[in-house]
Amino acid sequence: MKNIGFLGLGAMGEPMVQSLLRAGFTVRVAAHRKREAFDRLVSSGCIACSDPAEVARHSEAIIVCVPDSPQVDEVLFGANGVAAGVKKGAIVIDMSTIAPTASRGFADRLGAQEVAFVDAPVSGGPARALAGTLTIMAGASDTDFERVRPLLEAMGTAHHVGPVGMGETVKLVNQIIIANVMVANAEALTFASVMGADRDAVRKVLAGATGNNYLLEQWLPKTWFAGTFEGGFAMDLLRKDVAAALDTARTMNLAMPASAFAYQLYTAQSAEGDGGRDYTAIAKLYERLAGHQNSTR
């Protein structure tokens, strides 16, 4: 499988395509709203197509990486979408983060055209996407996973976590955890500051304690502690992911009160103008509550 289509050339999609090109795949792309990434990728060796249907017409596998379910639906089934050009026997890999129920619905609709479907959301940022070191959670049949394994492994470490929908389920588990852990970090470290403790000293002590976590050790030093919330993972994207988890839980009659509260906290800070900034900007809400005015805006 060498002829690949890629739709969704955003902050993650563009470096993911670069990893595929380095691995020797032939990649076809189509522009959507912004042409800058499209033009850069064509200059790097991608084949330009006019729309998703043309991409699909010439591809054995079509990767989609867009923000949410409505955009996936548009790319797949909109006017001149993938479904209008895809051939029987092809496979669609959705690397967006959406609700598992939506993934299963897309799989059913494509299955009616004898097109296979894999949900394979990723964890990691643009730097890891460019390096080809993403963590990839794939939901697929055994046969379909083996078909796309070489393709996925060009972009990172691929984990087959079950049938269609399980990739999104595992990704949402990750998002639930980071959303809640970040709130705990912000609350605890604001408490430390108010009590007069040195925040960096606290972090170093916790590195060997049970309260240590990846965000505290690796992420906060690059954002909150460095005085910037630019770049990183946008708060509104995390809000979207937590909302997908809450919506899915609602269909299962599963209560998730901590995540629901975290969602409201991120929503409050997004309303302050931080929706496009890294989600660690939730710390600004706690500083504001504590009467601190020393955060970066």
Protein backbone atom coordinates (compact mmCIF):
# COMPACT_ATOMS: atom_id res chain seq x y z
CA MET A 1 0.00 0.00 0.00
CA LYS A 2 1.88 3.04 -1.28
CA ASN A 3 -0.76 5.42 -2.70
CA ILE A 4 -2.15 7.41 0.21
CA GLY A 5 -4.59 10.30 0.42
CA PHE A 6 -4.48 12.78 3.30
CA LEU A 7 -7.27 15.23 4.11
CA GLY A 8 -6.91 17.76 6.90
CA LEU A 9 -3.66 19.69 6.66
CA GLY A 10 -3.75 21.52 9.97
CA ALA A 11 -1.22 21.79 12.78
CA MET A 12 -1.10 17.99 13.11
CA GLY A 13 -1.92 16.93 9.57
CA GLU A 14 0.92 18.77 7.85
CA PRO A 15 3.75 17.21 9.90
CA MET A 16 2.06 13.80 9.72
CA VAL A 17 2.18 14.03 5.93
CA GLN A 18 5.86 14.95 6.12
CA SER A 19 6.48 11.72 8.06
CA LEU A 20 4.64 9.73 5.38
CA LEU A 21 6.73 11.33 2.63
CA ARG A 22 9.95 10.47 4.47
CA ALA A 23 8.77 6.86 4.70
CA GLY A 24 8.40 6.71 0.92
CA PHE A 25 4.63 6.88 0.54
CA THR A 26 3.03 8.67 -2.40
CA VAL A 27 0.64 11.17 -0.81
CA ARG A 28 -2.20 13.04 -2.49
CA VAL A 29 -3.67 16.10 -0.79
CA ALA A 30 -6.47 18.60 -1.37
CA ALA A 31 -6.80 22.09 0.07
CA HIS A 32 -9.77 22.93 2.27
CA ARG A 33 -9.89 26.39 3.82
CA LYS A 34 -6.22 27.38 4.05
CA ARG A 35 -3.86 26.79 1.15
CA GLU A 36 -0.54 27.55 2.90
CA ALA A 37 0.03 24.02 4.21
CA PHE A 38 -1.26 22.54 0.94
CA ASP A 39 1.23 24.60 -1.07
CA ARG A 40 4.11 23.67 1.24
CA LEU A 41 3.29 19.97 1.00
CA VAL A 42 2.98 20.02 -2.78
CA SER A 43 6.39 21.70 -2.87
CA SER A 44 7.67 18.87 -0.66
CA GLY A 45 6.48 16.18 -3.08
CA CYS A 46 2.77 15.60 -2.48
CA ILE A 47 0.43 15.27 -5.47
CA ALA A 48 -2.16 18.06 -5.67
CA CYS A 49 -5.83 17.15 -6.09
CA SER A 50 -8.85 19.39 -6.52
CA ASP A 51 -11.08 17.84 -3.83
CA PRO A 52 -11.48 14.81 -1.51
CA ALA A 53 -13.23 12.80 -4.24
CA GLU A 54 -10.18 13.10 -6.50
CA VAL A 55 -7.88 12.20 -3.62
CA ALA A 56 -9.95 9.08 -2.92
CA ARG A 57 -10.16 8.10 -6.59
CA HIS A 58 -6.39 7.56 -6.74
CA SER A 59 -5.70 6.28 -3.20
CA GLU A 60 -5.66 2.84 -1.60
CA ALA A 61 -5.98 4.40 1.85
CA ILE A 62 -7.39 7.81 2.75
CA ILE A 63 -6.42 9.44 6.04
CA VAL A 64 -8.66 12.10 7.59
CA CYS A 65 -7.42 14.41 10.35
CA VAL A 66 -9.88 17.22 11.10
CA PRO A 67 -11.24 18.85 14.29
CA ASP A 68 -14.59 17.13 14.93
CA SER A 69 -17.38 14.87 13.67
CA PRO A 70 -19.12 17.48 11.45
CA GLN A 71 -15.85 18.04 9.58
CA VAL A 72 -15.30 14.29 9.21
CA ASP A 73 -18.83 13.98 7.81
CA GLU A 74 -18.19 16.83 5.37
CA VAL A 75 -14.89 15.35 4.14
CA LEU A 76 -16.36 11.87 3.72
CA PHE A 77 -19.91 12.50 2.56
CA GLY A 78 -20.16 16.14 1.53
CA ALA A 79 -20.24 17.40 -2.05
CA ASN A 80 -17.17 15.97 -3.82
CA GLY A 81 -16.31 14.08 -0.64
CA VAL A 82 -14.39 10.85 -0.28
CA ALA A 83 -17.50 8.70 -0.78
CA ALA A 84 -17.99 10.20 -4.24
CA GLY A 85 -14.63 8.94 -5.48
CA VAL A 86 -13.50 6.05 -3.30
CA LYS A 87 -13.10 2.61 -4.84
CA LYS A 88 -14.37 -0.66 -3.40
CA GLY A 89 -11.72 -2.31 -1.27
CA ALA A 90 -10.11 0.96 -0.18
CA ILE A 91 -9.73 1.86 3.49
CA VAL A 92 -10.43 5.11 5.33
CA ILE A 93 -8.40 5.93 8.45
CA ASP A 94 -9.90 8.66 10.61
CA MET A 95 -7.22 10.14 12.87
CA SER A 96 -9.49 12.88 14.24
CA THR A 97 -10.65 12.79 17.86
CA ILE A 98 -14.42 12.30 17.87
CA ALA A 99 -17.07 10.29 19.71
CA PRO A 100 -16.83 6.49 19.31
CA THR A 101 -20.49 6.37 18.28
CA ALA A 102 -19.73 8.74 15.40
CA SER A 103 -16.84 6.53 14.26
CA ARG A 104 -19.09 3.47 14.19
CA GLY A 105 -21.67 5.40 12.17
CA PHE A 106 -19.07 6.43 9.59
CA ALA A 107 -17.83 2.83 9.42
CA ASP A 108 -21.35 1.58 8.68
CA ARG A 109 -21.94 4.14 5.95
CA LEU A 110 -18.62 3.41 4.24
CA GLY A 111 -19.14 -0.32 4.69
CA ALA A 112 -22.23 -0.04 2.49
CA GLN A 113 -19.79 0.95 -0.29
CA GLU A 114 -17.45 -1.94 0.57
CA VAL A 115 -14.90 0.48 2.02
CA ALA A 116 -13.17 -0.42 5.28
CA PHE A 117 -12.79 2.00 8.18
CA VAL A 118 -10.24 2.43 10.99
CA ASP A 119 -10.47 4.99 13.79
CA ALA A 120 -6.92 5.90 14.81
CA PRO A 121 -6.68 9.08 16.89
CA VAL A 122 -3.27 10.19 18.10
CA SER A 123 -1.60 11.57 21.20
CA GLY A 124 1.36 13.91 20.91
CA GLY A 125 1.87 17.37 19.47
CA PRO A 126 3.10 18.75 16.16
CA ALA A 127 6.75 18.13 17.07
CA ARG A 128 6.12 14.43 17.64
CA ALA A 129 4.01 14.32 14.48
CA LEU A 130 6.97 15.65 12.50
CA ALA A 131 9.35 13.22 14.18
CA GLY A 132 7.02 10.30 13.47
CA THR A 133 6.74 9.41 17.16
CA LEU A 134 3.02 9.84 17.83
CA THR A 135 1.08 7.40 19.99
CA ILE A 136 -1.67 5.98 17.79
CA MET A 137 -4.75 4.17 19.15
CA ALA A 138 -6.39 2.10 16.41
CA GLY A 139 -9.87 0.61 16.38
CA ALA A 140 -10.25 -1.91 13.55
CA SER A 141 -10.69 -5.53 12.64
CA ASP A 142 -7.52 -7.62 12.87
CA THR A 143 -7.28 -7.77 9.09
CA ASP A 144 -7.76 -4.04 8.57
CA PHE A 145 -5.23 -3.17 11.27
CA GLU A 146 -2.58 -5.33 9.61
CA ARG A 147 -3.34 -3.64 6.29
CA VAL A 148 -2.68 -0.18 7.69
CA ARG A 149 0.02 -1.01 10.25
CA PRO A 150 2.97 0.05 8.02
CA LEU A 151 1.21 3.32 7.26
CA LEU A 152 0.50 4.05 10.91
CA GLU A 153 3.99 3.08 11.99
CA ALA A 154 5.42 5.70 9.63
CA MET A 155 3.77 8.26 11.91
CA GLY A 156 4.34 6.71 15.33
CA THR A 157 3.71 3.70 17.56
CA ALA A 158 0.47 1.99 16.62
CA HIS A 159 -1.61 0.16 19.23
CA HIS A 160 -4.50 -2.06 18.13
CA VAL A 161 -6.97 -1.57 20.97
CA GLY A 162 -10.04 -3.39 19.62
CA PRO A 163 -12.77 -3.02 16.98
CA VAL A 164 -13.92 0.21 15.36
CA GLY A 165 -14.73 2.80 18.02
CA MET A 166 -12.14 1.57 20.52
CA GLY A 167 -9.44 3.88 19.18
CA GLU A 168 -11.62 6.88 19.98
CA THR A 169 -12.61 5.36 23.33
CA VAL A 170 -8.97 5.04 24.43
CA LYS A 171 -8.16 8.53 23.16
CA LEU A 172 -11.03 10.00 25.14
CA VAL A 173 -9.79 8.16 28.23
CA ASN A 174 -6.51 10.03 27.77
CA GLN A 175 -8.33 13.34 27.35
CA ILE A 176 -10.47 12.77 30.44
CA ILE A 177 -7.33 12.16 32.47
CA ILE A 178 -5.32 15.14 31.22
CA ALA A 179 -8.28 17.50 31.62
CA ASN A 180 -8.77 16.51 35.26
CA VAL A 181 -5.09 16.17 36.16
CA MET A 182 -4.35 19.63 34.79
CA VAL A 183 -7.10 21.13 36.95
CA ALA A 184 -5.62 19.33 39.98
CA ASN A 185 -2.14 20.66 39.14
CA ALA A 186 -3.38 24.23 38.79
CA GLU A 187 -5.36 24.09 42.03
CA ALA A 188 -2.57 22.50 44.05
CA LEU A 189 0.20 24.75 42.75
CA THR A 190 -1.88 27.88 43.26
CA PHE A 191 -2.38 26.68 46.83
CA ALA A 192 1.40 26.26 47.13
CA SER A 193 2.02 29.80 45.86
CA VAL A 194 -0.56 31.36 48.18
CA MET A 195 1.08 29.57 51.10
CA GLY A 196 4.44 31.04 50.11
CA ALA A 197 6.06 27.90 48.72
CA ASP A 198 8.46 28.07 45.78
CA ARG A 199 6.60 26.49 42.89
CA ASP A 200 9.67 25.03 41.20
CA ALA A 201 10.90 23.59 44.49
CA VAL A 202 7.51 21.95 44.97
CA ARG A 203 7.70 20.44 41.49
CA LYS A 204 11.15 19.00 42.16
CA VAL A 205 10.01 17.41 45.41
CA LEU A 206 6.93 15.95 43.76
CA ALA A 207 9.11 14.40 41.04
CA GLY A 208 9.85 11.66 43.57
CA ALA A 209 6.45 11.60 45.24
CA THR A 210 3.14 9.93 44.49
CA GLY A 211 1.65 13.20 43.20
CA ASN A 212 4.02 13.39 40.25
CA ASN A 213 2.51 13.32 36.75
CA TYR A 214 3.55 13.91 33.15
CA LEU A 215 1.93 17.35 32.93
CA LEU A 216 3.68 18.56 36.07
CA GLU A 217 7.03 17.12 35.07
CA GLN A 218 7.11 17.78 31.33
CA TRP A 219 4.36 20.16 30.19
CA LEU A 220 3.97 22.89 32.81
CA PRO A 221 7.67 23.91 32.73
CA LYS A 222 7.18 24.78 29.04
CA THR A 223 3.96 26.73 29.55
CA TRP A 224 2.75 28.15 32.87
CA PHE A 225 6.15 28.09 34.57
CA ALA A 226 7.77 29.62 31.46
CA GLY A 227 5.23 32.45 31.44
CA THR A 228 3.53 31.57 28.16
CA PHE A 229 0.46 29.70 27.00
CA GLU A 230 1.03 30.10 23.26
CA GLY A 231 1.17 27.03 21.04
CA GLY A 232 0.68 23.61 22.59
CA PHE A 233 -2.80 22.02 22.64
CA ALA A 234 -5.64 24.51 22.37
CA MET A 235 -8.04 24.67 25.29
CA ASP A 236 -11.06 24.65 22.96
CA LEU A 237 -9.85 21.39 21.37
CA LEU A 238 -9.64 19.81 24.81
CA ARG A 239 -13.10 21.15 25.62
CA LYS A 240 -14.37 19.54 22.43
CA ASP A 241 -12.82 16.20 23.42
CA VAL A 242 -14.21 16.30 26.96
CA ALA A 243 -17.62 17.18 25.53
CA ALA A 244 -17.41 14.11 23.26
CA ALA A 245 -16.59 11.97 26.28
CA LEU A 246 -19.48 13.42 28.29
CA ASP A 247 -21.91 12.97 25.38
CA THR A 248 -20.81 9.36 24.98
CA ALA A 249 -21.11 8.72 28.72
CA ARG A 250 -24.62 10.15 28.66
CA THR A 251 -25.71 7.51 26.14
CA MET A 252 -24.44 4.87 28.58
CA ASN A 253 -26.13 6.47 31.63
CA LEU A 254 -22.64 6.90 33.09
CA ALA A 255 -22.09 9.81 35.46
CA MET A 256 -18.76 11.66 35.14
CA PRO A 257 -19.11 14.56 37.61
CA ALA A 258 -15.40 15.44 37.81
CA SER A 259 -15.10 15.72 34.03
CA ALA A 260 -18.33 17.73 33.81
CA PHE A 261 -16.93 20.19 36.36
CA ALA A 262 -13.58 20.35 34.56
CA TYR A 263 -15.43 21.10 31.32
CA GLN A 264 -17.16 24.05 32.98
CA LEU A 265 -13.85 25.39 34.31
CA TYR A 266 -12.24 25.24 30.87
CA THR A 267 -15.33 26.88 29.39
CA ALA A 268 -15.08 29.73 31.89
CA GLN A 269 -11.44 30.34 31.00
CA SER A 270 -12.13 30.02 27.28
CA ALA A 271 -14.67 32.83 27.69
CA GLU A 272 -11.79 34.98 28.99
CA GLY A 273 -10.15 34.72 25.58
CA ASP A 274 -7.93 31.68 26.13
CA GLY A 275 -9.72 29.14 23.93
CA GLY A 276 -6.93 29.17 21.36
CA ARG A 277 -4.15 29.01 23.94
CA ASP A 278 -2.68 25.89 25.52
CA TYR A 279 -5.08 24.30 27.98
CA THR A 280 -2.63 24.86 30.84
CA ALA A 281 -4.03 28.42 30.75
CA ILE A 282 -6.65 27.03 33.14
CA ALA A 283 -4.05 28.06 35.75
CA LYS A 284 -5.01 31.67 35.05
CA LEU A 285 -8.50 30.98 36.40
CA TYR A 286 -7.02 29.76 39.69
CA GLU A 287 -4.64 32.70 39.90
CA ARG A 288 -7.54 35.04 39.30
CA LEU A 289 -9.54 33.37 42.04
CA ALA A 290 -6.58 33.65 44.36
CA GLY A 291 -6.15 37.33 43.53
CA HIS A 292 -2.91 36.78 41.65
CA GLN A 293 -2.23 38.85 38.56
CA ASN A 294 1.14 37.44 37.53
CA SER A 295 0.10 35.15 34.68
CA THR A 296 0.88 35.76 31.02
CA ARG A 297 -1.96 37.15 28.91
